[in-house]
N, C-alpha and C. Protein backbone atom coordinates (compact mmCIF):
# COMPACT_ATOMS: atom_id res chain seq x y z
N MET A 1 9.81 8.42 -4.76
CA MET A 1 10.60 6.99 -6.27
C MET A 1 10.57 7.57 -6.84
N ASN A 2 9.67 8.25 -7.80
CA ASN A 2 10.57 8.77 -8.87
C ASN A 2 10.61 8.26 -9.91
N GLY A 3 10.79 6.76 -10.33
CA GLY A 3 10.96 6.21 -11.17
C GLY A 3 12.29 5.21 -10.92
N ALA A 4 12.81 5.10 -9.49
CA ALA A 4 13.97 5.24 -9.25
C ALA A 4 13.66 3.47 -8.65
N ALA A 5 14.79 2.51 -8.88
CA ALA A 5 14.52 0.91 -8.36
C ALA A 5 14.02 1.06 -7.21
N HIS A 6 13.03 -0.60 -6.55
CA HIS A 6 12.81 0.20 -5.29
C HIS A 6 13.70 -1.26 -4.31
N THR A 7 13.61 -0.80 -3.62
CA THR A 7 14.39 -1.27 -2.34
C THR A 7 13.83 -1.49 -1.25
N PRO A 8 12.89 -3.09 -1.28
CA PRO A 8 12.37 -3.45 -0.22
C PRO A 8 12.49 -3.33 1.15
N ARG A 9 11.36 -2.39 1.80
CA ARG A 9 11.41 -2.90 3.00
C ARG A 9 11.64 -3.55 4.25
N PRO A 10 11.86 -4.10 4.86
CA PRO A 10 11.20 -4.75 6.60
C PRO A 10 9.86 -5.06 6.20
N ALA A 11 8.84 -5.43 6.70
CA ALA A 11 7.97 -5.75 7.22
C ALA A 11 7.82 -4.87 8.45
N ILE A 12 6.46 -4.17 8.80
CA ILE A 12 6.50 -3.93 10.47
C ILE A 12 6.03 -5.46 10.76
N VAL A 13 6.25 -5.56 12.25
CA VAL A 13 6.10 -6.33 13.38
C VAL A 13 5.77 -5.74 14.87
N SER A 14 4.56 -6.27 14.87
CA SER A 14 4.58 -5.94 16.75
C SER A 14 4.90 -7.20 17.16
N ALA A 15 5.58 -6.99 18.66
CA ALA A 15 5.48 -7.60 19.19
C ALA A 15 4.61 -8.75 19.51
N GLU A 16 3.45 -8.61 19.94
CA GLU A 16 1.88 -8.92 20.58
C GLU A 16 1.53 -9.95 19.35
N HIS A 17 1.75 -9.92 18.38
CA HIS A 17 1.75 -9.82 16.98
C HIS A 17 2.24 -10.36 15.73
N PRO A 18 3.36 -11.49 16.50
CA PRO A 18 4.75 -11.40 15.18
C PRO A 18 4.34 -12.58 14.09
N LEU A 19 3.04 -13.36 13.66
CA LEU A 19 2.62 -13.18 12.55
C LEU A 19 2.09 -12.58 11.40
N GLN A 20 2.04 -11.47 11.92
CA GLN A 20 1.37 -10.01 11.40
C GLN A 20 2.20 -9.63 10.63
N HIS A 21 2.29 -9.09 9.60
CA HIS A 21 3.47 -8.22 8.39
C HIS A 21 3.25 -7.40 8.27
N TYR A 22 3.23 -6.37 8.18
CA TYR A 22 2.52 -5.54 7.91
C TYR A 22 2.87 -4.71 6.62
N PHE A 23 3.31 -3.50 5.99
CA PHE A 23 4.28 -3.20 4.42
C PHE A 23 3.04 -1.54 4.39
N ALA A 24 3.85 -0.84 4.36
CA ALA A 24 3.40 0.74 4.77
C ALA A 24 3.69 1.52 5.09
N GLU A 25 4.20 2.83 4.13
CA GLU A 25 4.62 3.57 5.20
C GLU A 25 4.27 3.72 7.05
N THR A 26 4.68 4.25 7.87
CA THR A 26 4.16 4.69 9.06
C THR A 26 5.55 5.93 9.48
N ARG A 27 4.48 6.75 10.33
CA ARG A 27 5.28 7.25 11.65
C ARG A 27 4.85 7.36 13.02
N ALA A 28 5.55 7.59 13.98
CA ALA A 28 5.28 7.64 15.38
C ALA A 28 3.81 7.84 15.58
N GLY A 29 2.84 6.93 15.77
CA GLY A 29 1.89 6.77 16.70
C GLY A 29 0.61 6.92 15.65
N HIS A 30 0.79 6.85 14.50
CA HIS A 30 0.02 6.49 13.32
C HIS A 30 -0.47 4.93 13.06
N GLY A 31 0.43 4.08 13.01
CA GLY A 31 -0.13 2.64 13.41
C GLY A 31 0.49 2.38 11.51
N VAL A 32 0.04 1.81 10.91
CA VAL A 32 0.30 1.09 9.61
C VAL A 32 -0.13 2.48 8.74
N TYR A 33 -1.07 2.96 8.76
CA TYR A 33 -1.68 3.55 8.07
C TYR A 33 -0.62 5.06 7.41
N SER A 34 0.36 4.82 8.71
CA SER A 34 1.27 6.65 8.52
C SER A 34 -0.10 7.83 9.31
N GLU A 35 -1.25 7.75 9.40
CA GLU A 35 -1.88 8.85 9.68
C GLU A 35 -3.16 8.04 10.58
N PRO A 36 -3.97 9.45 11.52
CA PRO A 36 -5.10 8.98 12.00
C PRO A 36 -5.93 8.14 11.53
N HIS A 37 -6.39 7.21 11.86
CA HIS A 37 -7.77 6.27 11.81
C HIS A 37 -8.92 7.13 11.64
N HIS A 38 -9.13 8.03 11.99
CA HIS A 38 -10.38 8.91 11.54
C HIS A 38 -10.41 9.64 10.81
N THR A 39 -9.38 9.82 9.87
CA THR A 39 -8.89 10.43 8.67
C THR A 39 -10.00 9.77 7.77
N ASN A 40 -10.69 11.18 6.62
CA ASN A 40 -11.51 9.96 5.68
C ASN A 40 -10.69 9.98 4.33
N ARG A 41 -9.80 10.00 4.55
CA ARG A 41 -8.82 10.18 3.23
C ARG A 41 -8.66 8.73 2.70
N ALA A 42 -8.72 7.93 1.20
CA ALA A 42 -8.50 6.79 0.60
C ALA A 42 -7.60 5.70 1.30
N ARG A 43 -6.32 4.95 1.46
CA ARG A 43 -5.77 4.08 2.10
C ARG A 43 -5.68 3.40 1.96
N ALA A 44 -4.38 2.17 1.68
CA ALA A 44 -3.96 1.03 1.43
C ALA A 44 -3.56 0.37 2.19
N ARG A 45 -3.32 -0.75 2.51
CA ARG A 45 -2.87 -1.17 3.83
C ARG A 45 -2.73 -2.96 3.03
N VAL A 46 -1.15 -3.49 3.41
CA VAL A 46 -1.02 -4.95 2.62
C VAL A 46 -0.60 -5.13 4.03
N LEU A 47 -1.26 -6.54 4.64
CA LEU A 47 -1.18 -7.30 5.77
C LEU A 47 -0.70 -8.95 5.00
N ARG A 48 0.38 -9.41 5.49
CA ARG A 48 0.63 -11.12 5.41
C ARG A 48 0.53 -11.42 6.54
N TYR A 49 -0.14 -13.09 6.57
CA TYR A 49 0.26 -13.35 7.49
C TYR A 49 1.73 -14.53 7.24
N ALA A 50 2.06 -14.77 8.41
CA ALA A 50 3.70 -15.52 7.95
C ALA A 50 3.18 -16.79 7.73
N THR A 51 2.36 -17.35 8.22
CA THR A 51 2.11 -19.01 8.01
C THR A 51 0.99 -19.23 6.47
N VAL A 52 1.22 -17.93 5.99
CA VAL A 52 0.22 -17.76 4.76
C VAL A 52 0.96 -17.38 3.10
N ASN A 53 1.71 -17.66 1.79
CA ASN A 53 1.95 -16.92 0.82
C ASN A 53 1.09 -16.38 -0.04
N ALA A 54 0.64 -15.59 0.89
CA ALA A 54 -0.25 -15.08 -0.16
C ALA A 54 -0.38 -13.63 1.07
N ALA A 55 -0.47 -12.45 0.60
CA ALA A 55 -1.13 -11.21 1.27
C ALA A 55 -2.33 -10.28 0.94
N GLU A 56 -2.58 -10.19 2.27
CA GLU A 56 -3.86 -9.31 1.71
C GLU A 56 -4.12 -7.97 2.01
N LEU A 57 -4.34 -7.34 0.53
CA LEU A 57 -4.41 -6.07 -0.29
C LEU A 57 -5.92 -4.95 0.19
N SER A 58 -5.95 -4.36 1.65
CA SER A 58 -7.17 -3.57 1.91
C SER A 58 -7.23 -2.02 0.78
N ILE A 59 -8.12 -1.60 0.85
CA ILE A 59 -8.07 -0.53 0.28
C ILE A 59 -9.55 0.30 1.51
N ARG A 60 -9.13 1.40 2.11
CA ARG A 60 -10.19 1.78 2.60
C ARG A 60 -10.74 3.15 2.11
N LEU A 61 -11.81 3.58 2.17
CA LEU A 61 -12.91 4.45 0.91
C LEU A 61 -13.18 5.48 1.97
N GLY A 62 -12.30 5.96 2.65
CA GLY A 62 -13.14 7.30 3.86
C GLY A 62 -12.81 6.27 5.37
N THR A 63 -14.27 6.31 5.64
CA THR A 63 -14.40 5.78 7.26
C THR A 63 -15.10 4.33 7.09
N SER A 64 -15.87 4.90 5.72
CA SER A 64 -17.31 3.78 6.29
C SER A 64 -16.67 2.13 5.21
N PHE A 65 -15.97 2.01 4.58
CA PHE A 65 -15.84 1.21 3.84
C PHE A 65 -14.82 0.73 3.42
N VAL A 66 -14.08 -0.50 3.23
CA VAL A 66 -13.40 -1.08 3.20
C VAL A 66 -13.21 -1.95 2.54
N ALA A 67 -12.33 -2.47 1.49
CA ALA A 67 -12.75 -3.34 0.51
C ALA A 67 -11.29 -4.47 0.80
N SER A 68 -11.26 -6.04 0.84
CA SER A 68 -9.78 -6.82 1.25
C SER A 68 -9.70 -7.80 0.18
N ALA A 69 -9.22 -8.37 -0.71
CA ALA A 69 -8.19 -9.43 -1.24
C ALA A 69 -7.00 -10.20 -1.01
N GLU A 70 -7.09 -11.31 -1.17
CA GLU A 70 -5.98 -11.70 -0.89
C GLU A 70 -5.03 -11.76 -2.64
N PHE A 71 -4.04 -11.61 -2.33
CA PHE A 71 -3.22 -12.00 -3.30
C PHE A 71 -1.59 -12.72 -3.63
N THR A 72 -1.17 -13.84 -4.58
CA THR A 72 -0.15 -14.19 -4.32
C THR A 72 1.17 -12.82 -4.78
N ALA A 73 2.52 -13.37 -4.83
CA ALA A 73 3.55 -12.67 -5.18
C ALA A 73 3.15 -12.26 -6.26
N GLU A 74 2.66 -13.19 -7.05
CA GLU A 74 2.46 -12.43 -8.57
C GLU A 74 1.77 -11.70 -8.83
N ASP A 75 0.54 -11.81 -8.11
CA ASP A 75 -0.41 -11.19 -8.52
C ASP A 75 -0.17 -9.28 -7.38
N LEU A 76 0.49 -9.74 -6.50
CA LEU A 76 1.04 -7.82 -6.03
C LEU A 76 2.26 -7.49 -6.55
N ARG A 77 2.91 -8.08 -7.57
CA ARG A 77 4.24 -7.65 -8.70
C ARG A 77 3.21 -7.42 -9.45
N ARG A 78 2.21 -8.37 -10.20
CA ARG A 78 1.68 -6.94 -11.51
C ARG A 78 0.63 -5.93 -10.71
N ILE A 79 -0.01 -5.91 -9.47
CA ILE A 79 -0.52 -5.01 -9.02
C ILE A 79 0.53 -3.30 -8.94
N ALA A 80 1.84 -3.89 -8.49
CA ALA A 80 2.75 -2.62 -8.41
C ALA A 80 3.20 -2.57 -9.45
N SER A 81 3.59 -3.04 -9.98
CA SER A 81 3.57 -2.98 -11.72
C SER A 81 2.92 -1.57 -12.48
N ASP A 82 1.44 -1.98 -12.33
CA ASP A 82 0.79 -1.20 -12.84
C ASP A 82 0.69 -0.41 -12.01
N LEU A 83 0.64 -0.23 -10.65
CA LEU A 83 0.82 1.54 -9.79
C LEU A 83 1.76 2.58 -10.78
N LEU A 84 2.73 1.31 -10.78
CA LEU A 84 4.30 2.23 -10.14
C LEU A 84 3.95 2.95 -12.12
N ASP A 85 3.34 1.82 -12.90
CA ASP A 85 3.15 2.35 -14.26
C ASP A 85 2.15 3.73 -14.34
N ALA A 86 1.34 3.94 -13.46
CA ALA A 86 0.56 4.90 -13.66
C ALA A 86 0.68 6.10 -13.12
N ALA A 87 1.81 5.78 -11.72
CA ALA A 87 2.62 6.87 -10.90
C ALA A 87 3.34 7.49 -12.41
N HIS A 88 3.91 6.70 -12.54
CA HIS A 88 5.16 7.25 -13.55
C HIS A 88 4.18 8.18 -14.95
N ASP A 89 3.15 7.75 -15.36
CA ASP A 89 2.68 8.75 -16.11
C ASP A 89 1.91 9.66 -16.09
N ILE A 90 1.31 10.13 -14.44
CA ILE A 90 0.95 11.24 -14.20
C ILE A 90 2.33 12.04 -14.11
N GLU A 91 3.47 11.70 -13.84
CA GLU A 91 4.32 12.43 -13.41
C GLU A 91 4.97 13.02 -14.96
N GLN A 92 4.95 12.16 -15.93
CA GLN A 92 5.06 12.61 -17.24
C GLN A 92 4.15 13.13 -18.03
N HIS A 93 3.02 12.98 -18.00
CA HIS A 93 2.12 13.84 -18.80
C HIS A 93 0.71 14.40 -17.61
N PRO A 94 0.79 15.26 -16.62
CA PRO A 94 -0.02 15.74 -15.59
C PRO A 94 -0.82 16.54 -16.92
N ALA A 95 -2.19 16.68 -16.26
CA ALA A 95 -3.58 16.58 -16.32
C ALA A 95 -3.51 17.93 -16.54
N GLN A 96 -2.84 19.28 -16.62
CA GLN A 96 -2.74 20.13 -16.66
C GLN A 96 -1.95 20.19 -18.22
N GLU A 97 -1.54 19.85 -18.72
CA GLU A 97 -0.34 19.48 -20.18
C GLU A 97 -1.47 19.04 -20.81
N VAL A 98 -2.51 17.99 -20.46
CA VAL A 98 -3.30 17.31 -21.37
C VAL A 98 -4.54 17.75 -22.16
N ALA A 99 -4.39 18.59 -20.32
CA ALA A 99 -6.31 19.49 -21.11
C ALA A 99 -5.87 20.46 -21.75
N ALA A 100 -4.55 21.08 -21.66
CA ALA A 100 -4.14 22.24 -22.19
C ALA A 100 -4.26 22.36 -23.79
């Protein structure tokens, strides 16, 4: 994304579970996490049930721990803004520059 304005993407909705709306980058065969389920890489997933005006953010830390919480649209925008600000800071001030 590199500082560009965000263009909303449609939810990922399966025919078997039409009320479950997932928001994630995907590749064929890898589900909503974009990679195999057995990876040790930390991942995040956003799920919204179409009948609820909130979304669940789940963070998987490796394969043995998942934390989830429900957030309103306002909360999600704040979190997204914080994440974009952190990404911008990393890009503008790489660690090797700060350490030098």
